[in-house]
Amino acid sequence: MYKRQKQSNIIELLDELNSNPKFMGGAIAVPYKETIAEWLNGRIIKEAKRIGAVNCLYRNENGELSGTNTDGEAAIKTFQEIYGSVKGKSVIILGCGGAGKAVAAYFSEAVADSGTVTIISRKESNQEYKQKIGSQWMNWSSIDEELKKCDVLINCTSIGFGEQENRSPLSDNQIARLKPNTVVFDVIYQPLETYLLKLSKKHNHHVVNGLAMNLEQAILAFQYNKKIDIQVVRKVMEGAK
């Protein structure tokens, strides 16, 4: 009942915002990315349609609220700026919610034919998504052997954030299974060092938090307002970090 009430509230809010011309757009957080994509009823960019989730609202040229998804684009750009190409790499994505779908889509394209992206989740229904983006899917219960092959591990779950700040999606023993030079990327940026990253550093893995990705998401979102110079936005936001 509580979940249905929250769902109703967000739809009522969206209807109100859509009718208010002073509302120009904004960011969408967990757990509403997929719900809002459905509400937009097709008014989303091509990439977001494939992902099935949005994290950004903006007014289109007709003044209607529309949606895009900057999660995946920001994640791959952040990773490549630090570690270079992921072509040919074995990438594991933990979680298949809105962020997980977006990150998996962009990394699947970047690894090319010589690499693999494996989505790890508990929902059997997520197997349908793997076919849309050309990735692999595995149930969480079978993750241990897959970890041994991993070059890049990306946490797209909410484990490590908020009330779960003292938890990690993987145990210390599971992290020990990773190859020595594995990069562990947690899209969470509050806290900057999640429990997953602390455990990974203990095993001398390379680690990346979600702060740079979060900044890049915001910069990318401004490109949908044609009156704003993106490079100016980048300088202002980087100076405010």
Protein backbone atom coordinates (compact mmCIF):
# COMPACT_ATOMS: atom_id res chain seq x y z
CA MET A 1 0.00 0.00 0.00
CA TYR A 2 2.82 2.40 0.95
CA LYS A 3 4.63 1.71 -2.33
CA ARG A 4 1.48 2.35 -4.36
CA GLN A 5 0.94 5.62 -2.47
CA LYS A 6 4.47 6.80 -3.26
CA GLN A 7 3.91 5.89 -6.92
CA SER A 8 0.71 7.92 -6.97
CA ASN A 9 2.44 10.89 -5.36
CA ILE A 10 5.20 11.05 -7.95
CA ILE A 11 2.71 10.95 -10.83
CA GLU A 12 0.67 13.75 -9.26
CA LEU A 13 3.85 15.79 -8.82
CA LEU A 14 4.88 15.23 -12.44
CA ASP A 15 1.45 16.32 -13.70
CA GLU A 16 1.75 19.48 -11.62
CA LEU A 17 5.27 20.26 -12.81
CA ASN A 18 4.32 19.65 -16.43
CA SER A 19 1.56 22.25 -16.22
CA ASN A 20 3.85 24.82 -14.55
CA PRO A 21 5.76 26.77 -17.26
CA LYS A 22 8.24 28.03 -14.65
CA PHE A 23 9.55 24.50 -14.16
CA MET A 24 12.30 24.02 -16.73
CA GLY A 25 13.63 20.62 -15.70
CA GLY A 26 15.57 18.74 -13.06
CA ALA A 27 17.34 15.58 -11.94
CA ILE A 28 15.65 12.25 -11.15
CA ALA A 29 16.96 10.04 -8.36
CA VAL A 30 16.38 6.45 -7.23
CA PRO A 31 13.79 4.86 -7.29
CA TYR A 32 11.78 6.84 -9.86
CA LYS A 33 13.91 6.69 -13.03
CA GLU A 34 11.91 3.93 -14.71
CA THR A 35 8.53 5.17 -13.45
CA ILE A 36 9.11 8.61 -14.93
CA ALA A 37 10.32 7.14 -18.23
CA GLU A 38 6.92 5.42 -18.52
CA TRP A 39 5.06 8.60 -17.57
CA LEU A 40 6.83 10.57 -20.33
CA ASN A 41 5.10 8.26 -22.84
CA GLY A 42 7.76 8.36 -25.56
CA ARG A 43 9.06 11.89 -24.96
CA ILE A 44 12.57 10.60 -24.27
CA ILE A 45 15.73 10.50 -26.37
CA LYS A 46 16.64 7.35 -28.31
CA GLU A 47 19.29 6.14 -25.84
CA ALA A 48 16.94 6.58 -22.88
CA LYS A 49 14.23 4.58 -24.68
CA ARG A 50 16.64 1.67 -25.02
CA ILE A 51 17.57 1.93 -21.35
CA GLY A 52 13.97 2.39 -20.17
CA ALA A 53 14.92 4.94 -17.51
CA VAL A 54 15.55 8.68 -17.28
CA ASN A 55 17.54 10.75 -14.79
CA CYS A 56 16.96 14.18 -16.28
CA LEU A 57 13.87 16.22 -17.23
CA TYR A 58 13.90 19.17 -19.63
CA ARG A 59 11.48 21.15 -21.79
CA ASN A 60 11.54 20.15 -25.46
CA GLU A 61 11.05 22.61 -28.33
CA ASN A 62 7.27 22.28 -27.91
CA GLY A 63 7.50 23.18 -24.23
CA GLU A 64 6.67 19.63 -23.07
CA LEU A 65 8.56 17.88 -20.31
CA SER A 66 10.88 15.32 -21.89
CA GLY A 67 13.53 12.97 -20.55
CA THR A 68 17.07 11.81 -21.10
CA ASN A 69 19.56 9.62 -19.29
CA THR A 70 23.06 10.89 -18.55
CA ASP A 71 24.03 8.07 -16.14
CA GLY A 72 25.68 5.81 -18.69
CA GLU A 73 27.31 8.54 -20.76
CA ALA A 74 28.80 10.16 -17.66
CA ALA A 75 30.01 6.81 -16.30
CA ILE A 76 31.89 5.74 -19.42
CA LYS A 77 33.40 9.21 -19.91
CA THR A 78 34.58 9.32 -16.28
CA PHE A 79 36.15 5.87 -16.52
CA GLN A 80 37.87 6.53 -19.85
CA GLU A 81 39.38 9.80 -18.64
CA ILE A 82 41.09 7.93 -15.79
CA TYR A 83 41.83 4.46 -17.19
CA GLY A 84 41.42 4.76 -20.96
CA SER A 85 39.53 2.41 -23.25
CA VAL A 86 37.54 -0.57 -21.99
CA LYS A 87 37.71 -2.29 -25.37
CA GLY A 88 38.30 -6.00 -24.87
CA LYS A 89 37.70 -5.82 -21.12
CA SER A 90 35.50 -8.03 -18.96
CA VAL A 91 33.08 -5.72 -17.14
CA ILE A 92 30.70 -6.69 -14.34
CA ILE A 93 27.74 -4.42 -13.51
CA LEU A 94 26.17 -4.97 -10.08
CA GLY A 95 22.46 -4.11 -10.21
CA CYS A 96 20.00 -3.57 -13.04
CA GLY A 97 17.90 -0.62 -11.90
CA GLY A 98 17.81 2.69 -13.76
CA ALA A 99 21.51 3.46 -13.25
CA GLY A 100 22.59 -0.13 -13.86
CA LYS A 101 20.73 -0.30 -17.17
CA ALA A 102 22.25 2.98 -18.37
CA VAL A 103 25.80 2.10 -17.37
CA ALA A 104 25.49 -1.39 -18.88
CA ALA A 105 24.25 0.03 -22.19
CA TYR A 106 27.15 2.44 -22.64
CA PHE A 107 29.84 0.02 -21.45
CA SER A 108 28.43 -2.73 -23.72
CA GLU A 109 28.99 -0.49 -26.69
CA ALA A 110 32.47 0.56 -25.50
CA VAL A 111 33.89 -2.93 -24.89
CA ALA A 112 33.21 -3.81 -28.55
CA ASP A 113 33.11 -7.40 -29.83
CA SER A 114 36.30 -8.37 -28.01
CA GLY A 115 34.97 -7.60 -24.52
CA THR A 116 32.01 -8.58 -22.36
CA VAL A 117 29.58 -6.87 -20.03
CA THR A 118 27.84 -9.07 -17.47
CA ILE A 119 24.89 -7.71 -15.51
CA ILE A 120 24.50 -9.26 -12.07
CA SER A 121 21.04 -9.07 -10.49
CA ARG A 122 18.48 -11.16 -8.65
CA LYS A 123 15.54 -10.64 -11.01
CA GLU A 124 15.19 -13.23 -13.74
CA SER A 125 13.23 -10.66 -15.75
CA ASN A 126 16.44 -8.66 -16.25
CA GLN A 127 17.51 -11.28 -18.78
CA GLU A 128 15.27 -9.51 -21.30
CA TYR A 129 17.35 -6.36 -21.00
CA LYS A 130 20.62 -8.12 -21.82
CA GLN A 131 19.26 -8.91 -25.28
CA LYS A 132 18.44 -5.25 -25.94
CA ILE A 133 22.04 -4.13 -25.37
CA GLY A 134 24.01 -7.25 -26.32
CA SER A 135 25.32 -8.03 -22.84
CA GLN A 136 25.29 -11.09 -20.59
CA TRP A 137 23.22 -11.64 -17.46
CA MET A 138 23.89 -13.73 -14.37
CA ASN A 139 21.98 -14.33 -11.18
CA TRP A 140 23.64 -12.91 -8.08
CA SER A 141 23.93 -16.39 -6.61
CA SER A 142 26.40 -17.38 -9.35
CA ILE A 143 28.72 -14.36 -9.11
CA ASP A 144 31.76 -15.92 -7.39
CA GLU A 145 33.31 -17.63 -10.42
CA GLU A 146 32.58 -14.64 -12.66
CA LEU A 147 34.57 -12.34 -10.35
CA LYS A 148 37.80 -14.17 -11.23
CA LYS A 149 37.53 -13.00 -14.87
CA CYS A 150 36.66 -9.38 -14.09
CA ASP A 151 38.73 -6.38 -15.28
CA VAL A 152 36.22 -3.70 -14.26
CA LEU A 153 33.59 -3.99 -11.52
CA ILE A 154 30.89 -1.31 -11.31
CA ASN A 155 28.47 -1.03 -8.40
CA CYS A 156 25.13 0.37 -9.57
CA THR A 157 23.16 -0.78 -6.53
CA SER A 158 22.26 1.51 -3.61
CA ILE A 159 24.19 -0.72 -1.17
CA GLY A 160 26.74 1.56 0.47
CA PHE A 161 24.50 4.65 0.48
CA GLY A 162 22.22 6.12 3.16
CA GLU A 163 20.98 3.58 5.67
CA GLN A 164 23.18 0.98 3.98
CA GLU A 165 26.37 3.03 4.30
CA ASN A 166 28.10 0.35 6.39
CA ARG A 167 27.37 -2.41 3.90
CA SER A 168 29.01 -3.64 0.72
CA PRO A 169 27.32 -5.50 -2.17
CA LEU A 170 30.28 -7.91 -2.10
CA SER A 171 31.94 -9.58 0.86
CA ASP A 172 35.63 -9.33 1.66
CA ASN A 173 36.11 -12.91 0.42
CA GLN A 174 34.39 -12.13 -2.87
CA ILE A 175 36.52 -9.03 -3.45
CA ALA A 176 39.61 -11.18 -2.81
CA ARG A 177 38.60 -13.23 -5.88
CA LEU A 178 39.14 -10.26 -8.21
CA LYS A 179 42.28 -10.09 -10.36
CA PRO A 180 45.10 -7.88 -8.96
CA ASN A 181 44.60 -4.96 -11.37
CA THR A 182 40.81 -4.89 -11.32
CA VAL A 183 39.22 -1.41 -11.27
CA VAL A 184 36.34 -1.12 -8.79
CA PHE A 185 34.03 1.76 -9.70
CA ASP A 186 31.23 2.68 -7.27
CA VAL A 187 28.72 5.16 -8.73
CA ILE A 188 27.84 6.24 -5.18
CA TYR A 189 29.44 9.55 -4.16
CA GLN A 190 28.00 9.97 -0.65
CA PRO A 191 30.12 8.81 1.09
CA LEU A 192 33.11 9.33 -1.19
CA GLU A 193 34.65 6.10 0.07
CA THR A 194 31.99 3.42 0.34
CA TYR A 195 32.53 0.22 2.27
CA LEU A 196 32.98 -1.57 -1.07
CA LEU A 197 35.82 0.80 -1.98
CA LYS A 198 37.43 0.43 1.46
CA LEU A 199 37.48 -3.35 1.09
CA SER A 200 38.79 -3.05 -2.48
CA LYS A 201 41.64 -0.76 -1.43
CA LYS A 202 42.59 -3.27 1.24
CA HIS A 203 43.15 -5.77 -1.56
CA ASN A 204 45.12 -3.17 -3.58
CA HIS A 205 42.56 -2.79 -6.34
CA HIS A 206 42.18 0.48 -8.25
CA VAL A 207 39.11 2.40 -7.05
CA VAL A 208 36.88 5.17 -8.41
CA ASN A 209 33.96 6.83 -6.61
CA GLY A 210 30.94 8.46 -8.22
CA LEU A 211 31.80 12.13 -7.64
CA ALA A 212 33.30 12.86 -11.06
CA MET A 213 30.47 10.93 -12.72
CA ASN A 214 27.90 12.99 -10.81
CA LEU A 215 29.53 16.22 -11.96
CA GLU A 216 29.62 15.01 -15.55
CA GLN A 217 25.93 14.04 -15.41
CA ALA A 218 24.98 17.56 -14.43
CA ILE A 219 27.12 19.11 -17.17
CA LEU A 220 25.65 16.80 -19.81
CA ALA A 221 22.13 17.67 -18.65
CA PHE A 222 22.68 21.36 -19.40
CA GLN A 223 23.25 20.63 -23.10
CA TYR A 224 19.48 20.30 -23.46
CA ASN A 225 19.11 24.00 -22.67
CA LYS A 226 20.36 25.54 -25.91
CA LYS A 227 20.80 28.99 -24.32
CA ILE A 228 23.53 27.83 -21.95
CA ASP A 229 27.23 27.50 -22.84
CA ILE A 230 28.25 24.02 -21.63
CA GLN A 231 31.91 24.96 -21.23
CA VAL A 232 30.93 27.81 -18.93
CA VAL A 233 28.82 25.38 -16.90
CA ARG A 234 31.76 22.96 -16.68
CA LYS A 235 34.14 25.63 -15.35
CA VAL A 236 31.63 26.86 -12.77
CA MET A 237 30.78 23.40 -11.51
CA GLU A 238 34.39 22.19 -11.39
CA GLY A 239 35.26 25.30 -9.40
CA ALA A 240 32.48 24.52 -6.93
CA LYS A 241 33.64 20.95 -6.17
